[in-house]
N, C-alpha and C. Protein backbone atom coordinates (compact mmCIF):
# COMPACT_ATOMS: atom_id res chain seq x y z
N MET A 1 56.41 85.24 108.12
CA MET A 1 55.89 83.89 108.22
C MET A 1 56.74 83.11 109.21
N LYS A 2 56.08 82.65 110.27
CA LYS A 2 56.80 81.90 111.29
C LYS A 2 56.45 80.43 111.20
N PHE A 3 57.48 79.64 111.36
CA PHE A 3 57.32 78.19 111.36
C PHE A 3 57.44 77.69 112.79
N PRO A 4 57.07 76.44 113.01
CA PRO A 4 57.22 75.88 114.36
C PRO A 4 58.66 76.03 114.85
N GLY A 5 58.80 76.34 116.11
CA GLY A 5 60.13 76.51 116.69
C GLY A 5 60.62 77.94 116.58
N GLY A 6 59.78 78.86 116.10
CA GLY A 6 60.16 80.27 116.03
C GLY A 6 60.95 80.65 114.80
N PHE A 7 61.04 79.77 113.81
CA PHE A 7 61.80 80.05 112.57
C PHE A 7 61.03 81.06 111.74
N ASP A 8 61.61 82.24 111.50
CA ASP A 8 60.96 83.33 110.77
C ASP A 8 61.66 83.50 109.42
N ILE A 9 61.02 83.06 108.35
CA ILE A 9 61.62 83.10 107.01
C ILE A 9 61.83 84.53 106.53
N ASN A 10 60.92 85.45 106.85
CA ASN A 10 61.07 86.84 106.41
C ASN A 10 62.30 87.48 107.05
N SER A 11 62.48 87.23 108.32
CA SER A 11 63.64 87.77 109.02
C SER A 11 64.93 87.19 108.43
N MET A 12 64.89 85.92 108.12
CA MET A 12 66.06 85.27 107.55
C MET A 12 66.38 85.85 106.16
N MET A 13 65.37 86.12 105.36
CA MET A 13 65.58 86.68 104.03
C MET A 13 66.15 88.10 104.12
N LYS A 14 65.67 88.89 105.06
CA LYS A 14 66.19 90.25 105.26
C LYS A 14 67.67 90.19 105.68
N GLN A 15 67.97 89.26 106.55
CA GLN A 15 69.35 89.10 107.01
C GLN A 15 70.25 88.66 105.85
N ALA A 16 69.77 87.77 105.01
CA ALA A 16 70.55 87.31 103.84
C ALA A 16 70.78 88.47 102.87
N GLN A 17 69.78 89.33 102.68
CA GLN A 17 69.94 90.47 101.78
C GLN A 17 70.98 91.44 102.33
N LYS A 18 70.97 91.69 103.64
CA LYS A 18 71.97 92.56 104.25
C LYS A 18 73.37 91.98 104.08
N MET A 19 73.49 90.68 104.25
CA MET A 19 74.79 90.03 104.10
C MET A 19 75.28 90.15 102.65
N GLN A 20 74.37 90.01 101.69
CA GLN A 20 74.72 90.12 100.28
C GLN A 20 75.18 91.54 99.96
N GLU A 21 74.50 92.53 100.47
CA GLU A 21 74.89 93.92 100.25
C GLU A 21 76.26 94.20 100.86
N GLN A 22 76.49 93.70 102.08
CA GLN A 22 77.77 93.89 102.74
C GLN A 22 78.89 93.22 101.95
N MET A 23 78.64 92.02 101.45
CA MET A 23 79.65 91.30 100.66
C MET A 23 79.97 92.07 99.39
N GLY A 24 78.95 92.64 98.76
CA GLY A 24 79.17 93.44 97.54
C GLY A 24 80.07 94.64 97.83
N LYS A 25 79.85 95.30 98.95
CA LYS A 25 80.68 96.44 99.33
C LYS A 25 82.12 95.99 99.58
N GLU A 26 82.27 94.88 100.30
CA GLU A 26 83.60 94.36 100.60
C GLU A 26 84.35 93.96 99.33
N MET A 27 83.64 93.38 98.38
CA MET A 27 84.27 92.96 97.12
C MET A 27 84.82 94.17 96.36
N LYS A 28 84.06 95.26 96.36
CA LYS A 28 84.52 96.46 95.65
C LYS A 28 85.70 97.12 96.35
N GLN A 29 85.82 96.93 97.66
CA GLN A 29 86.91 97.54 98.42
C GLN A 29 88.17 96.68 98.39
N MET A 30 88.01 95.38 98.25
CA MET A 30 89.15 94.47 98.26
C MET A 30 89.92 94.57 96.94
N THR A 31 91.24 94.55 97.03
CA THR A 31 92.07 94.47 95.83
C THR A 31 93.14 93.41 96.03
N VAL A 32 93.53 92.80 94.93
CA VAL A 32 94.63 91.84 94.95
C VAL A 32 95.65 92.26 93.90
N ASP A 33 96.89 91.91 94.16
CA ASP A 33 97.97 92.14 93.21
C ASP A 33 98.51 90.80 92.77
N ALA A 34 98.84 90.69 91.49
CA ALA A 34 99.42 89.47 90.95
C ALA A 34 100.43 89.86 89.89
N SER A 35 101.37 88.94 89.65
CA SER A 35 102.37 89.23 88.63
C SER A 35 102.77 87.95 87.92
N ALA A 36 103.46 88.14 86.80
CA ALA A 36 104.00 87.02 86.03
C ALA A 36 105.34 87.47 85.46
N GLY A 37 106.16 86.49 85.13
CA GLY A 37 107.47 86.80 84.55
C GLY A 37 108.38 87.52 85.52
N GLY A 38 108.31 87.14 86.79
CA GLY A 38 109.17 87.77 87.78
C GLY A 38 108.85 89.24 87.99
N GLY A 39 107.61 89.62 87.79
CA GLY A 39 107.20 91.01 87.97
C GLY A 39 107.21 91.83 86.69
N ALA A 40 107.49 91.17 85.57
CA ALA A 40 107.51 91.89 84.28
C ALA A 40 106.11 92.39 83.90
N VAL A 41 105.08 91.66 84.32
CA VAL A 41 103.70 92.08 84.12
C VAL A 41 103.01 91.99 85.47
N THR A 42 102.36 93.08 85.88
CA THR A 42 101.64 93.08 87.14
C THR A 42 100.20 93.51 86.90
N VAL A 43 99.32 93.00 87.76
CA VAL A 43 97.89 93.29 87.66
C VAL A 43 97.37 93.63 89.05
N LYS A 44 96.50 94.63 89.11
CA LYS A 44 95.74 94.93 90.32
C LYS A 44 94.28 94.74 89.96
N MET A 45 93.59 93.89 90.73
CA MET A 45 92.20 93.55 90.44
C MET A 45 91.35 93.73 91.69
N ARG A 46 90.14 94.26 91.50
CA ARG A 46 89.20 94.39 92.60
C ARG A 46 88.51 93.07 92.87
N GLY A 47 87.89 92.98 94.02
CA GLY A 47 87.19 91.77 94.41
C GLY A 47 86.00 91.43 93.55
N ASP A 48 85.51 92.38 92.77
CA ASP A 48 84.42 92.09 91.84
C ASP A 48 84.96 91.80 90.44
N PHE A 49 86.27 91.49 90.37
CA PHE A 49 86.98 91.07 89.16
C PHE A 49 87.23 92.20 88.16
N GLU A 50 87.06 93.44 88.58
CA GLU A 50 87.40 94.55 87.69
C GLU A 50 88.90 94.79 87.76
N VAL A 51 89.54 94.85 86.60
CA VAL A 51 90.97 95.11 86.53
C VAL A 51 91.18 96.61 86.70
N LEU A 52 91.98 96.97 87.70
CA LEU A 52 92.26 98.38 87.98
C LEU A 52 93.54 98.85 87.30
N GLU A 53 94.52 97.97 87.25
CA GLU A 53 95.81 98.31 86.65
C GLU A 53 96.41 97.09 85.97
N LEU A 54 97.09 97.34 84.87
CA LEU A 54 97.89 96.33 84.18
C LEU A 54 99.18 97.03 83.80
N THR A 55 100.29 96.57 84.35
CA THR A 55 101.58 97.21 84.10
C THR A 55 102.50 96.23 83.38
N ILE A 56 103.10 96.70 82.31
CA ILE A 56 104.05 95.88 81.53
C ILE A 56 105.40 96.57 81.58
N SER A 57 106.42 95.82 81.94
CA SER A 57 107.77 96.36 82.03
C SER A 57 108.22 96.90 80.67
N PRO A 58 108.82 98.08 80.67
CA PRO A 58 109.35 98.63 79.41
C PRO A 58 110.37 97.70 78.75
N ASP A 59 111.08 96.91 79.54
CA ASP A 59 112.04 95.97 78.97
C ASP A 59 111.37 94.96 78.06
N LEU A 60 110.17 94.51 78.44
CA LEU A 60 109.44 93.56 77.59
C LEU A 60 109.05 94.21 76.26
N VAL A 61 108.65 95.44 76.33
CA VAL A 61 108.23 96.14 75.11
C VAL A 61 109.44 96.36 74.19
N ARG A 62 110.57 96.70 74.79
CA ARG A 62 111.79 96.92 74.00
C ARG A 62 112.20 95.65 73.25
N ASP A 63 112.03 94.51 73.91
CA ASP A 63 112.40 93.25 73.27
C ASP A 63 111.49 92.94 72.08
N GLY A 64 110.27 93.46 72.12
CA GLY A 64 109.36 93.31 70.97
C GLY A 64 108.74 91.93 70.84
N ASP A 65 108.83 91.10 71.86
CA ASP A 65 108.24 89.76 71.81
C ASP A 65 106.78 89.84 72.25
N THR A 66 105.91 90.16 71.30
CA THR A 66 104.51 90.36 71.64
C THR A 66 103.84 89.10 72.17
N GLU A 67 104.23 87.94 71.67
CA GLU A 67 103.65 86.69 72.18
C GLU A 67 103.95 86.51 73.65
N MET A 68 105.19 86.80 74.05
CA MET A 68 105.55 86.66 75.45
C MET A 68 104.77 87.67 76.29
N ILE A 69 104.62 88.89 75.81
CA ILE A 69 103.86 89.90 76.55
C ILE A 69 102.42 89.43 76.74
N GLN A 70 101.83 88.91 75.69
CA GLN A 70 100.46 88.41 75.76
C GLN A 70 100.34 87.26 76.75
N ASP A 71 101.28 86.31 76.68
CA ASP A 71 101.25 85.16 77.58
C ASP A 71 101.40 85.59 79.04
N LEU A 72 102.32 86.52 79.30
CA LEU A 72 102.52 86.98 80.67
C LEU A 72 101.33 87.78 81.17
N ALA A 73 100.71 88.56 80.29
CA ALA A 73 99.51 89.32 80.69
C ALA A 73 98.38 88.36 81.07
N VAL A 74 98.17 87.34 80.27
CA VAL A 74 97.13 86.35 80.57
C VAL A 74 97.44 85.63 81.88
N ALA A 75 98.70 85.26 82.07
CA ALA A 75 99.09 84.56 83.30
C ALA A 75 98.86 85.45 84.53
N ALA A 76 99.21 86.72 84.45
CA ALA A 76 99.02 87.64 85.57
C ALA A 76 97.54 87.86 85.85
N LEU A 77 96.73 88.01 84.81
CA LEU A 77 95.29 88.19 84.99
C LEU A 77 94.66 86.95 85.62
N ASN A 78 95.06 85.77 85.17
CA ASN A 78 94.52 84.54 85.73
C ASN A 78 94.93 84.37 87.20
N GLU A 79 96.15 84.76 87.53
CA GLU A 79 96.60 84.67 88.92
C GLU A 79 95.81 85.64 89.80
N ALA A 80 95.53 86.83 89.30
CA ALA A 80 94.72 87.79 90.06
C ALA A 80 93.31 87.24 90.28
N ARG A 81 92.72 86.68 89.24
CA ARG A 81 91.39 86.07 89.37
C ARG A 81 91.39 84.96 90.40
N ARG A 82 92.43 84.12 90.38
CA ARG A 82 92.54 83.02 91.34
C ARG A 82 92.62 83.57 92.77
N LYS A 83 93.38 84.64 92.96
CA LYS A 83 93.52 85.23 94.29
C LYS A 83 92.19 85.81 94.78
N VAL A 84 91.45 86.46 93.89
CA VAL A 84 90.14 87.00 94.27
C VAL A 84 89.21 85.85 94.65
N GLU A 85 89.16 84.81 93.84
CA GLU A 85 88.29 83.67 94.14
C GLU A 85 88.66 83.03 95.47
N GLU A 86 89.94 82.89 95.73
CA GLU A 86 90.40 82.29 96.99
C GLU A 86 89.96 83.15 98.18
N SER A 87 90.08 84.45 98.04
CA SER A 87 89.67 85.36 99.10
C SER A 87 88.16 85.28 99.33
N LEU A 88 87.40 85.23 98.24
CA LEU A 88 85.95 85.14 98.36
C LEU A 88 85.53 83.82 99.00
N LYS A 89 86.20 82.74 98.65
CA LYS A 89 85.89 81.46 99.27
C LYS A 89 86.12 81.53 100.77
N GLY A 90 87.20 82.20 101.16
CA GLY A 90 87.49 82.34 102.58
C GLY A 90 86.41 83.13 103.30
N LYS A 91 85.94 84.22 102.67
CA LYS A 91 84.90 85.04 103.28
C LYS A 91 83.56 84.30 103.31
N LEU A 92 83.20 83.71 102.18
CA LEU A 92 81.91 83.00 102.12
C LEU A 92 81.92 81.74 102.97
N GLY A 93 83.06 81.08 103.01
CA GLY A 93 83.16 79.85 103.78
C GLY A 93 82.87 80.05 105.25
N GLY A 94 83.18 81.23 105.76
CA GLY A 94 82.91 81.52 107.15
C GLY A 94 81.43 81.76 107.43
N MET A 95 80.65 82.03 106.39
CA MET A 95 79.23 82.31 106.56
C MET A 95 78.33 81.11 106.29
N LEU A 96 78.86 80.13 105.58
CA LEU A 96 78.03 79.00 105.16
C LEU A 96 78.34 77.75 105.98
N PRO A 97 77.36 76.87 106.07
CA PRO A 97 77.63 75.60 106.73
C PRO A 97 78.68 74.80 105.97
N PRO A 98 79.46 73.97 106.64
CA PRO A 98 80.48 73.18 105.99
C PRO A 98 79.93 72.34 104.84
N GLY A 99 80.70 72.26 103.75
CA GLY A 99 80.33 71.43 102.62
C GLY A 99 79.52 72.14 101.55
N LEU A 100 79.10 73.37 101.77
CA LEU A 100 78.31 74.07 100.76
C LEU A 100 79.14 74.88 99.79
N LEU A 101 80.44 74.98 100.01
CA LEU A 101 81.30 75.77 99.12
C LEU A 101 82.43 74.94 98.62
């Protein structure tokens, strides 16, 4: 369907679908690392928010402070999520007109 001025909505929709597929591939390939407690808990997360690794220092386990381990794990996971979102905003921001993100 062509509009005045040569604007082709079908072509635009196909291009948007290709961009979405490419972004999905990039998200699965991208990984971020985050940590909490000075590296006592580390997380590796994919761009689609799947957690690939969660590492807890043996020293934390020896201390037996489960509340601290839980708090540091949550902090590291949230930091990884923030990093993924920031990266996605950077990628999407380059594709969208200003003010839409």
